[in-house]
Amino acid sequence: MQRRLLLTATLATGATALAGCAGPQVSDYSSEKPVLDLRQYFNGVLDAYGVFTDRSGKVVRRFTVVMRCTWQGEEGVLDEDFIYSDGERQKRIWRLRHLGNGEYTGTADDVLGEARGRTAGNAFRWGYTLLLPVDGKTYEVQFDDWMYLMDERVMLNKATMSKFGIRLGEVTLSFVKRGV
């Protein structure tokens, strides 16, 4: 019995390790243009338009965001005001730090610990745990967040949300930089 449990655990660990290697890496986009510099793109006012889809792909929530972004040296602030289609409003303030070599960290009041990410070419990938309020409870959900710079004004964002490794849904949004 113990041998069977050990074999099952070994197979599950191996499958998990292979699945982690199978996905795209941010370095896969290193030759893509235009080159994304978060400090340049997230500087000024941006508008964002997004949807949250559940596991089946059904849109369950739509939202818009106005972002006021500033940088001083290697420190950035992304002040985000969300308005959801049901009228709910939320605010999130990201505090970002550029570590060099395209690496960034970030914190926000509703993010557990520190977000970590990296740019390469036109792409940015980062991961974090969001404290998500739902019906009076707060859940810790993980985000695998990808952004792709399309041109000097537009960036697309696709984030997969999961808990305990189970995919819950996706957030898809577009950023449009004002005044460019």
N, C-alpha and C. Protein backbone atom coordinates (compact mmCIF):
# COMPACT_ATOMS: atom_id res chain seq x y z
N MET A 1 0.82 -1.19 0.00
CA MET A 1 0.00 0.00 0.00
C MET A 1 0.87 1.26 0.00
N GLN A 2 1.90 1.27 0.89
CA GLN A 2 2.78 2.42 0.94
C GLN A 2 3.52 2.60 -0.38
N ARG A 3 3.88 1.50 -1.00
CA ARG A 3 4.58 1.57 -2.28
C ARG A 3 3.69 2.21 -3.35
N ARG A 4 2.41 1.84 -3.36
CA ARG A 4 1.46 2.41 -4.32
C ARG A 4 1.29 3.92 -4.08
N LEU A 5 1.19 4.33 -2.81
CA LEU A 5 1.09 5.75 -2.48
C LEU A 5 2.33 6.51 -2.92
N LEU A 6 3.50 5.91 -2.69
CA LEU A 6 4.75 6.54 -3.09
C LEU A 6 4.82 6.69 -4.61
N LEU A 7 4.41 5.66 -5.33
CA LEU A 7 4.40 5.71 -6.79
C LEU A 7 3.43 6.78 -7.30
N THR A 8 2.24 6.85 -6.70
CA THR A 8 1.25 7.86 -7.09
C THR A 8 1.79 9.26 -6.82
N ALA A 9 2.39 9.46 -5.66
CA ALA A 9 2.95 10.78 -5.32
C ALA A 9 4.07 11.15 -6.28
N THR A 10 4.92 10.17 -6.63
CA THR A 10 6.02 10.44 -7.56
C THR A 10 5.50 10.81 -8.94
N LEU A 11 4.49 10.09 -9.42
CA LEU A 11 3.90 10.41 -10.73
C LEU A 11 3.24 11.78 -10.72
N ALA A 12 2.53 12.10 -9.65
CA ALA A 12 1.88 13.41 -9.57
C ALA A 12 2.92 14.53 -9.55
N THR A 13 3.99 14.34 -8.80
CA THR A 13 5.06 15.35 -8.74
C THR A 13 5.70 15.52 -10.11
N GLY A 14 5.97 14.41 -10.79
CA GLY A 14 6.56 14.48 -12.12
C GLY A 14 5.67 15.18 -13.12
N ALA A 15 4.37 14.90 -13.07
CA ALA A 15 3.42 15.55 -13.99
C ALA A 15 3.35 17.04 -13.73
N THR A 16 3.36 17.41 -12.44
CA THR A 16 3.34 18.83 -12.09
C THR A 16 4.60 19.53 -12.59
N ALA A 17 5.74 18.90 -12.42
CA ALA A 17 7.01 19.49 -12.87
C ALA A 17 7.01 19.66 -14.38
N LEU A 18 6.54 18.65 -15.10
CA LEU A 18 6.50 18.75 -16.56
C LEU A 18 5.54 19.83 -17.02
N ALA A 19 4.39 19.94 -16.36
CA ALA A 19 3.41 20.97 -16.74
C ALA A 19 4.00 22.35 -16.54
N GLY A 20 4.79 22.55 -15.47
CA GLY A 20 5.42 23.84 -15.22
C GLY A 20 6.41 24.22 -16.29
N CYS A 21 7.08 23.24 -16.88
CA CYS A 21 8.08 23.49 -17.91
C CYS A 21 7.46 23.69 -19.28
N ALA A 22 6.26 23.18 -19.47
CA ALA A 22 5.65 23.16 -20.79
C ALA A 22 5.16 24.53 -21.25
N GLY A 23 4.83 25.42 -20.32
CA GLY A 23 4.26 26.71 -20.69
C GLY A 23 5.29 27.68 -21.22
N PRO A 24 4.80 28.78 -21.80
CA PRO A 24 5.72 29.80 -22.30
C PRO A 24 6.48 30.49 -21.17
N GLN A 25 7.65 30.95 -21.51
CA GLN A 25 8.48 31.72 -20.59
C GLN A 25 8.59 33.14 -21.14
N VAL A 26 8.77 34.12 -20.28
CA VAL A 26 8.85 35.50 -20.75
C VAL A 26 10.03 35.67 -21.71
N SER A 27 11.09 34.89 -21.52
CA SER A 27 12.25 34.99 -22.42
C SER A 27 11.92 34.58 -23.86
N ASP A 28 10.82 33.83 -24.05
CA ASP A 28 10.39 33.46 -25.41
C ASP A 28 10.08 34.69 -26.27
N TYR A 29 9.84 35.83 -25.63
CA TYR A 29 9.43 37.05 -26.34
C TYR A 29 10.55 38.08 -26.43
N SER A 30 11.76 37.70 -26.10
CA SER A 30 12.87 38.66 -26.02
C SER A 30 13.16 39.38 -27.33
N SER A 31 12.83 38.79 -28.47
CA SER A 31 13.10 39.46 -29.75
C SER A 31 11.89 40.23 -30.28
N GLU A 32 10.78 40.20 -29.56
CA GLU A 32 9.57 40.89 -30.02
C GLU A 32 9.66 42.39 -29.81
N LYS A 33 9.08 43.12 -30.75
CA LYS A 33 9.06 44.58 -30.71
C LYS A 33 7.61 45.05 -30.68
N PRO A 34 7.33 46.24 -30.17
CA PRO A 34 8.26 47.17 -29.54
C PRO A 34 8.68 46.66 -28.16
N VAL A 35 9.86 47.06 -27.74
CA VAL A 35 10.39 46.65 -26.45
C VAL A 35 9.62 47.38 -25.35
N LEU A 36 9.18 46.62 -24.36
CA LEU A 36 8.40 47.16 -23.25
C LEU A 36 9.32 47.63 -22.13
N ASP A 37 9.18 48.90 -21.76
CA ASP A 37 9.80 49.45 -20.56
C ASP A 37 8.62 49.89 -19.67
N LEU A 38 8.36 49.16 -18.61
CA LEU A 38 7.21 49.47 -17.74
C LEU A 38 7.26 50.90 -17.22
N ARG A 39 8.47 51.39 -16.94
CA ARG A 39 8.61 52.75 -16.40
C ARG A 39 8.15 53.78 -17.41
N GLN A 40 8.32 53.49 -18.68
CA GLN A 40 7.88 54.42 -19.72
C GLN A 40 6.39 54.25 -20.02
N TYR A 41 5.95 53.01 -20.18
CA TYR A 41 4.54 52.79 -20.55
C TYR A 41 3.61 53.19 -19.41
N PHE A 42 3.89 52.72 -18.20
CA PHE A 42 3.04 53.06 -17.06
C PHE A 42 3.50 54.37 -16.43
N ASN A 43 3.44 55.44 -17.22
CA ASN A 43 3.77 56.78 -16.77
C ASN A 43 2.77 57.71 -17.45
N GLY A 44 1.89 58.32 -16.65
CA GLY A 44 0.82 59.14 -17.20
C GLY A 44 -0.52 58.49 -16.87
N VAL A 45 -1.54 58.86 -17.66
CA VAL A 45 -2.89 58.34 -17.42
C VAL A 45 -3.23 57.32 -18.49
N LEU A 46 -3.77 56.19 -18.04
CA LEU A 46 -4.19 55.12 -18.94
C LEU A 46 -5.63 54.75 -18.64
N ASP A 47 -6.33 54.29 -19.65
CA ASP A 47 -7.66 53.72 -19.50
C ASP A 47 -7.55 52.24 -19.81
N ALA A 48 -8.29 51.42 -19.05
CA ALA A 48 -8.27 49.99 -19.29
C ALA A 48 -9.71 49.48 -19.34
N TYR A 49 -9.93 48.45 -20.16
CA TYR A 49 -11.25 47.87 -20.38
C TYR A 49 -11.09 46.36 -20.27
N GLY A 50 -11.90 45.74 -19.37
CA GLY A 50 -11.66 44.32 -19.15
C GLY A 50 -12.89 43.51 -18.84
N VAL A 51 -12.67 42.19 -18.88
CA VAL A 51 -13.70 41.21 -18.52
C VAL A 51 -13.06 40.12 -17.66
N PHE A 52 -13.88 39.55 -16.79
CA PHE A 52 -13.50 38.35 -16.06
C PHE A 52 -14.36 37.22 -16.60
N THR A 53 -13.72 36.14 -17.03
CA THR A 53 -14.45 34.96 -17.51
C THR A 53 -14.22 33.80 -16.54
N ASP A 54 -15.27 33.00 -16.37
CA ASP A 54 -15.13 31.84 -15.49
C ASP A 54 -14.45 30.70 -16.25
N ARG A 55 -14.36 29.53 -15.61
CA ARG A 55 -13.68 28.37 -16.21
C ARG A 55 -14.23 27.98 -17.57
N SER A 56 -15.54 28.19 -17.76
CA SER A 56 -16.17 27.78 -19.02
C SER A 56 -15.98 28.82 -20.12
N GLY A 57 -15.45 30.00 -19.77
CA GLY A 57 -15.27 31.07 -20.75
C GLY A 57 -16.39 32.09 -20.74
N LYS A 58 -17.38 31.91 -19.89
CA LYS A 58 -18.50 32.85 -19.79
C LYS A 58 -18.06 34.14 -19.11
N VAL A 59 -18.40 35.28 -19.70
CA VAL A 59 -18.11 36.58 -19.08
C VAL A 59 -19.02 36.74 -17.88
N VAL A 60 -18.42 36.88 -16.70
CA VAL A 60 -19.21 37.04 -15.48
C VAL A 60 -19.09 38.44 -14.89
N ARG A 61 -18.13 39.23 -15.39
CA ARG A 61 -17.97 40.59 -14.89
C ARG A 61 -17.21 41.43 -15.91
N ARG A 62 -17.68 42.66 -16.12
CA ARG A 62 -17.00 43.62 -16.98
C ARG A 62 -16.58 44.80 -16.12
N PHE A 63 -15.51 45.49 -16.55
CA PHE A 63 -15.03 46.62 -15.76
C PHE A 63 -14.21 47.57 -16.62
N THR A 64 -14.07 48.80 -16.11
CA THR A 64 -13.15 49.78 -16.69
C THR A 64 -12.24 50.25 -15.55
N VAL A 65 -11.08 50.76 -15.93
CA VAL A 65 -10.11 51.24 -14.95
C VAL A 65 -9.49 52.52 -15.48
N VAL A 66 -9.35 53.50 -14.61
CA VAL A 66 -8.54 54.68 -14.91
C VAL A 66 -7.29 54.55 -14.04
N MET A 67 -6.13 54.59 -14.69
CA MET A 67 -4.85 54.44 -13.98
C MET A 67 -4.05 55.73 -14.07
N ARG A 68 -3.63 56.21 -12.92
CA ARG A 68 -2.74 57.37 -12.85
C ARG A 68 -1.39 56.83 -12.39
N CYS A 69 -0.41 56.93 -13.28
CA CYS A 69 0.88 56.26 -13.05
C CYS A 69 2.01 57.26 -13.00
N THR A 70 2.89 57.11 -12.02
CA THR A 70 4.05 57.99 -11.90
C THR A 70 5.27 57.17 -11.50
N TRP A 71 6.43 57.66 -11.90
CA TRP A 71 7.71 57.05 -11.53
C TRP A 71 8.65 58.12 -11.03
N GLN A 72 9.40 57.78 -10.00
CA GLN A 72 10.51 58.59 -9.53
C GLN A 72 11.68 57.65 -9.42
N GLY A 73 12.59 57.75 -10.37
CA GLY A 73 13.72 56.83 -10.41
C GLY A 73 13.26 55.42 -10.67
N GLU A 74 13.56 54.51 -9.77
CA GLU A 74 13.20 53.10 -9.93
C GLU A 74 11.92 52.72 -9.20
N GLU A 75 11.23 53.73 -8.62
CA GLU A 75 10.01 53.49 -7.86
C GLU A 75 8.80 54.02 -8.62
N GLY A 76 7.77 53.18 -8.77
CA GLY A 76 6.57 53.59 -9.48
C GLY A 76 5.32 53.38 -8.66
N VAL A 77 4.30 54.21 -8.95
CA VAL A 77 2.99 54.08 -8.31
C VAL A 77 1.95 54.00 -9.41
N LEU A 78 1.13 52.95 -9.38
CA LEU A 78 0.01 52.78 -10.30
C LEU A 78 -1.26 52.89 -9.46
N ASP A 79 -1.93 54.02 -9.56
CA ASP A 79 -3.14 54.30 -8.78
C ASP A 79 -4.33 53.97 -9.67
N GLU A 80 -5.03 52.86 -9.34
CA GLU A 80 -6.08 52.32 -10.20
C GLU A 80 -7.46 52.51 -9.58
N ASP A 81 -8.39 53.07 -10.37
CA ASP A 81 -9.79 53.19 -9.96
C ASP A 81 -10.64 52.32 -10.87
N PHE A 82 -11.24 51.26 -10.30
CA PHE A 82 -12.06 50.30 -11.04
C PHE A 82 -13.53 50.68 -10.92
N ILE A 83 -14.26 50.54 -12.03
CA ILE A 83 -15.72 50.64 -12.02
C ILE A 83 -16.25 49.40 -12.72
N TYR A 84 -17.04 48.59 -11.98
CA TYR A 84 -17.59 47.36 -12.52
C TYR A 84 -18.96 47.61 -13.13
N SER A 85 -19.37 46.73 -14.02
CA SER A 85 -20.65 46.90 -14.74
C SER A 85 -21.84 46.90 -13.79
N ASP A 86 -21.71 46.34 -12.59
CA ASP A 86 -22.81 46.34 -11.63
C ASP A 86 -22.78 47.59 -10.73
N GLY A 87 -21.83 48.52 -11.01
CA GLY A 87 -21.74 49.76 -10.25
C GLY A 87 -20.73 49.75 -9.12
N GLU A 88 -20.22 48.57 -8.75
CA GLU A 88 -19.22 48.51 -7.68
C GLU A 88 -17.96 49.26 -8.09
N ARG A 89 -17.34 49.90 -7.10
CA ARG A 89 -16.09 50.63 -7.33
C ARG A 89 -15.02 50.04 -6.41
N GLN A 90 -13.80 50.00 -6.93
CA GLN A 90 -12.66 49.52 -6.16
C GLN A 90 -11.45 50.39 -6.46
N LYS A 91 -10.54 50.41 -5.52
CA LYS A 91 -9.27 51.12 -5.73
C LYS A 91 -8.14 50.17 -5.38
N ARG A 92 -7.11 50.20 -6.20
CA ARG A 92 -5.88 49.45 -5.91
C ARG A 92 -4.72 50.37 -6.23
N ILE A 93 -3.77 50.43 -5.33
CA ILE A 93 -2.56 51.22 -5.57
C ILE A 93 -1.37 50.27 -5.53
N TRP A 94 -0.78 50.08 -6.70
CA TRP A 94 0.44 49.27 -6.82
C TRP A 94 1.65 50.16 -6.55
N ARG A 95 2.60 49.64 -5.81
CA ARG A 95 3.89 50.29 -5.61
C ARG A 95 4.93 49.36 -6.23
N LEU A 96 5.51 49.82 -7.34
CA LEU A 96 6.44 48.98 -8.09
C LEU A 96 7.88 49.42 -7.86
N ARG A 97 8.77 48.46 -8.02
CA ARG A 97 10.21 48.76 -7.93
C ARG A 97 10.91 48.04 -9.07
N HIS A 98 11.69 48.80 -9.84
CA HIS A 98 12.50 48.22 -10.90
C HIS A 98 13.82 47.78 -10.28
N LEU A 99 14.15 46.49 -10.42
CA LEU A 99 15.36 45.94 -9.81
C LEU A 99 16.53 45.90 -10.79
N GLY A 100 16.29 46.27 -12.05
CA GLY A 100 17.31 46.15 -13.08
C GLY A 100 17.10 44.89 -13.90
N ASN A 101 17.70 44.84 -15.07
CA ASN A 101 17.61 43.67 -15.95
C ASN A 101 16.17 43.24 -16.23
N GLY A 102 15.24 44.20 -16.30
CA GLY A 102 13.84 43.89 -16.60
C GLY A 102 13.06 43.26 -15.47
N GLU A 103 13.64 43.20 -14.28
CA GLU A 103 12.95 42.57 -13.15
C GLU A 103 12.27 43.63 -12.28
N TYR A 104 11.06 43.27 -11.82
CA TYR A 104 10.23 44.18 -11.02
C TYR A 104 9.63 43.44 -9.84
N THR A 105 9.37 44.20 -8.78
CA THR A 105 8.55 43.71 -7.69
C THR A 105 7.43 44.71 -7.49
N GLY A 106 6.36 44.26 -6.83
CA GLY A 106 5.24 45.15 -6.58
C GLY A 106 4.47 44.73 -5.35
N THR A 107 3.87 45.71 -4.70
CA THR A 107 2.99 45.46 -3.57
C THR A 107 1.73 46.29 -3.73
N ALA A 108 0.67 45.82 -3.12
CA ALA A 108 -0.61 46.54 -3.04
C ALA A 108 -1.31 46.05 -1.78
N ASP A 109 -2.23 46.84 -1.26
CA ASP A 109 -2.89 46.48 -0.01
C ASP A 109 -3.64 45.15 -0.09
N ASP A 110 -4.17 44.81 -1.26
CA ASP A 110 -4.93 43.56 -1.40
C ASP A 110 -4.11 42.45 -2.06
N VAL A 111 -2.79 42.60 -2.05
CA VAL A 111 -1.89 41.57 -2.57
C VAL A 111 -1.12 41.01 -1.38
N LEU A 112 -1.14 39.69 -1.25
CA LEU A 112 -0.44 39.02 -0.17
C LEU A 112 1.03 38.91 -0.53
N GLY A 113 1.89 39.48 0.30
CA GLY A 113 3.32 39.43 0.02
C GLY A 113 3.69 40.35 -1.13
N GLU A 114 4.59 39.86 -1.97
CA GLU A 114 5.16 40.68 -3.03
C GLU A 114 4.96 40.01 -4.39
N ALA A 115 4.53 40.81 -5.36
CA ALA A 115 4.46 40.34 -6.74
C ALA A 115 5.87 40.40 -7.32
N ARG A 116 6.18 39.44 -8.19
CA ARG A 116 7.50 39.42 -8.84
C ARG A 116 7.28 39.21 -10.32
N GLY A 117 8.07 39.95 -11.13
CA GLY A 117 7.92 39.79 -12.56
C GLY A 117 9.13 40.23 -13.34
N ARG A 118 9.03 39.99 -14.65
CA ARG A 118 10.16 40.28 -15.53
C ARG A 118 9.65 40.63 -16.92
N THR A 119 10.34 41.57 -17.56
CA THR A 119 10.05 41.91 -18.95
C THR A 119 11.09 41.28 -19.85
N ALA A 120 10.67 41.01 -21.09
CA ALA A 120 11.58 40.58 -22.16
C ALA A 120 10.88 40.94 -23.46
N GLY A 121 11.57 41.67 -24.32
CA GLY A 121 10.95 42.09 -25.57
C GLY A 121 9.71 42.92 -25.29
N ASN A 122 8.57 42.52 -25.89
CA ASN A 122 7.34 43.28 -25.68
C ASN A 122 6.48 42.72 -24.55
N ALA A 123 6.97 41.74 -23.81
CA ALA A 123 6.15 41.04 -22.82
C ALA A 123 6.59 41.31 -21.38
N PHE A 124 5.62 41.20 -20.50
CA PHE A 124 5.85 41.27 -19.06
C PHE A 124 5.03 40.17 -18.42
N ARG A 125 5.66 39.38 -17.57
CA ARG A 125 4.95 38.34 -16.82
C ARG A 125 5.24 38.52 -15.35
N TRP A 126 4.16 38.49 -14.57
CA TRP A 126 4.38 38.48 -13.15
C TRP A 126 3.32 37.67 -12.45
N GLY A 127 3.68 37.24 -11.24
CA GLY A 127 2.78 36.42 -10.45
C GLY A 127 2.60 37.02 -9.08
N TYR A 128 1.40 36.81 -8.54
CA TYR A 128 1.10 37.33 -7.21
C TYR A 128 -0.13 36.63 -6.66
N THR A 129 -0.35 36.81 -5.36
CA THR A 129 -1.53 36.29 -4.69
C THR A 129 -2.41 37.47 -4.29
N LEU A 130 -3.62 37.48 -4.83
CA LEU A 130 -4.57 38.55 -4.57
C LEU A 130 -5.54 38.11 -3.48
N LEU A 131 -5.86 39.01 -2.56
CA LEU A 131 -6.89 38.76 -1.55
C LEU A 131 -8.21 39.21 -2.15
N LEU A 132 -9.00 38.25 -2.61
CA LEU A 132 -10.21 38.52 -3.39
C LEU A 132 -11.45 38.42 -2.52
N PRO A 133 -12.17 39.55 -2.34
CA PRO A 133 -13.41 39.49 -1.55
C PRO A 133 -14.57 38.97 -2.41
N VAL A 134 -15.29 37.97 -1.88
CA VAL A 134 -16.46 37.42 -2.56
C VAL A 134 -17.51 37.11 -1.50
N ASP A 135 -18.66 37.76 -1.60
CA ASP A 135 -19.80 37.50 -0.70
C ASP A 135 -19.41 37.51 0.77
N GLY A 136 -18.66 38.53 1.18
CA GLY A 136 -18.32 38.69 2.58
C GLY A 136 -17.12 37.87 3.06
N LYS A 137 -16.55 37.06 2.18
CA LYS A 137 -15.36 36.28 2.53
C LYS A 137 -14.20 36.75 1.67
N THR A 138 -12.97 36.50 2.12
CA THR A 138 -11.79 36.85 1.35
C THR A 138 -11.03 35.57 1.02
N TYR A 139 -10.72 35.41 -0.26
CA TYR A 139 -10.01 34.23 -0.74
C TYR A 139 -8.64 34.64 -1.26
N GLU A 140 -7.64 33.78 -1.02
CA GLU A 140 -6.31 33.98 -1.57
C GLU A 140 -6.26 33.27 -2.91
N VAL A 141 -6.13 34.04 -4.01
CA VAL A 141 -6.08 33.44 -5.34
C VAL A 141 -4.79 33.88 -6.03
N GLN A 142 -4.24 32.97 -6.81
CA GLN A 142 -2.97 33.24 -7.49
C GLN A 142 -3.25 33.75 -8.90
N PHE A 143 -2.45 34.73 -9.31
CA PHE A 143 -2.53 35.29 -10.65
C PHE A 143 -1.23 35.02 -11.40
N ASP A 144 -1.38 34.49 -12.61
CA ASP A 144 -0.28 34.39 -13.57
C ASP A 144 -0.62 35.41 -14.64
N ASP A 145 0.03 36.55 -14.60
CA ASP A 145 -0.37 37.75 -15.33
C ASP A 145 0.62 38.05 -16.45
N TRP A 146 0.12 38.11 -17.68
CA TRP A 146 0.94 38.39 -18.87
C TRP A 146 0.45 39.67 -19.53
N MET A 147 1.39 40.54 -19.91
CA MET A 147 1.08 41.77 -20.64
C MET A 147 1.94 41.81 -21.90
N TYR A 148 1.34 42.32 -23.00
CA TYR A 148 2.03 42.39 -24.28
C TYR A 148 1.85 43.79 -24.86
N LEU A 149 2.94 44.51 -25.05
CA LEU A 149 2.90 45.84 -25.64
C LEU A 149 2.67 45.72 -27.14
N MET A 150 1.61 46.34 -27.63
CA MET A 150 1.26 46.28 -29.05
C MET A 150 1.88 47.44 -29.83
N ASP A 151 1.79 48.62 -29.25
CA ASP A 151 2.41 49.82 -29.81
C ASP A 151 2.57 50.80 -28.66
N GLU A 152 2.93 52.04 -28.94
CA GLU A 152 3.21 52.98 -27.85
C GLU A 152 1.98 53.32 -27.00
N ARG A 153 0.78 53.06 -27.53
CA ARG A 153 -0.46 53.38 -26.80
C ARG A 153 -1.15 52.18 -26.19
N VAL A 154 -1.09 51.01 -26.83
CA VAL A 154 -1.94 49.88 -26.47
C VAL A 154 -1.12 48.71 -25.92
N MET A 155 -1.61 48.16 -24.80
CA MET A 155 -1.04 46.94 -24.24
C MET A 155 -2.20 46.01 -23.91
N LEU A 156 -2.03 44.72 -24.23
CA LEU A 156 -3.03 43.70 -23.90
C LEU A 156 -2.56 42.92 -22.69
N ASN A 157 -3.52 42.49 -21.87
CA ASN A 157 -3.23 41.81 -20.62
C ASN A 157 -4.14 40.58 -20.49
N LYS A 158 -3.53 39.44 -20.17
CA LYS A 158 -4.30 38.22 -19.93
C LYS A 158 -3.75 37.59 -18.66
N ALA A 159 -4.63 37.39 -17.69
CA ALA A 159 -4.21 36.83 -16.41
C ALA A 159 -5.07 35.62 -16.09
N THR A 160 -4.41 34.55 -15.69
CA THR A 160 -5.11 33.34 -15.25
C THR A 160 -5.16 33.35 -13.73
N MET A 161 -6.37 33.12 -13.21
CA MET A 161 -6.58 33.11 -11.78
C MET A 161 -6.79 31.66 -11.34
N SER A 162 -6.10 31.25 -10.26
CA SER A 162 -6.24 29.87 -9.79
C SER A 162 -6.18 29.82 -8.27
N LYS A 163 -6.62 28.69 -7.73
CA LYS A 163 -6.51 28.42 -6.30
C LYS A 163 -6.20 26.94 -6.16
N PHE A 164 -5.19 26.64 -5.36
CA PHE A 164 -4.72 25.26 -5.18
C PHE A 164 -4.37 24.62 -6.53
N GLY A 165 -3.89 25.43 -7.48
CA GLY A 165 -3.52 24.92 -8.79
C GLY A 165 -4.69 24.68 -9.73
N ILE A 166 -5.90 24.99 -9.28
CA ILE A 166 -7.09 24.80 -10.11
C ILE A 166 -7.47 26.13 -10.74
N ARG A 167 -7.57 26.13 -12.07
CA ARG A 167 -7.90 27.35 -12.81
C ARG A 167 -9.34 27.77 -12.51
N LEU A 168 -9.51 29.00 -12.03
CA LEU A 168 -10.83 29.53 -11.72
C LEU A 168 -11.41 30.35 -12.86
N GLY A 169 -10.53 31.00 -13.62
CA GLY A 169 -10.99 31.86 -14.70
C GLY A 169 -9.86 32.73 -15.20
N GLU A 170 -10.23 33.69 -16.05
CA GLU A 170 -9.24 34.60 -16.63
C GLU A 170 -9.74 36.03 -16.61
N VAL A 171 -8.78 36.93 -16.51
CA VAL A 171 -9.05 38.35 -16.68
C VAL A 171 -8.35 38.77 -17.96
N THR A 172 -9.10 39.42 -18.84
CA THR A 172 -8.55 39.93 -20.10
C THR A 172 -8.84 41.42 -20.15
N LEU A 173 -7.81 42.21 -20.44
CA LEU A 173 -8.05 43.65 -20.57
C LEU A 173 -7.08 44.30 -21.52
N SER A 174 -7.49 45.47 -21.97
CA SER A 174 -6.63 46.27 -22.83
C SER A 174 -6.38 47.60 -22.13
N PHE A 175 -5.12 48.04 -22.21
CA PHE A 175 -4.72 49.34 -21.69
C PHE A 175 -4.55 50.27 -22.88
N VAL A 176 -5.01 51.50 -22.72
CA VAL A 176 -4.82 52.52 -23.75
C VAL A 176 -4.25 53.75 -23.05
N LYS A 177 -3.05 54.15 -23.47
CA LYS A 177 -2.37 55.28 -22.87
C LYS A 177 -2.90 56.58 -23.48
N ARG A 178 -3.27 57.51 -22.63
CA ARG A 178 -3.78 58.81 -23.10
C ARG A 178 -2.62 59.70 -23.53
N GLY A 179 -2.93 60.61 -24.45
CA GLY A 179 -2.00 61.66 -24.81
C GLY A 179 -0.79 61.24 -25.64
N VAL A 180 -0.85 60.08 -26.24
CA VAL A 180 0.29 59.63 -27.06
C VAL A 180 -0.06 59.80 -28.51
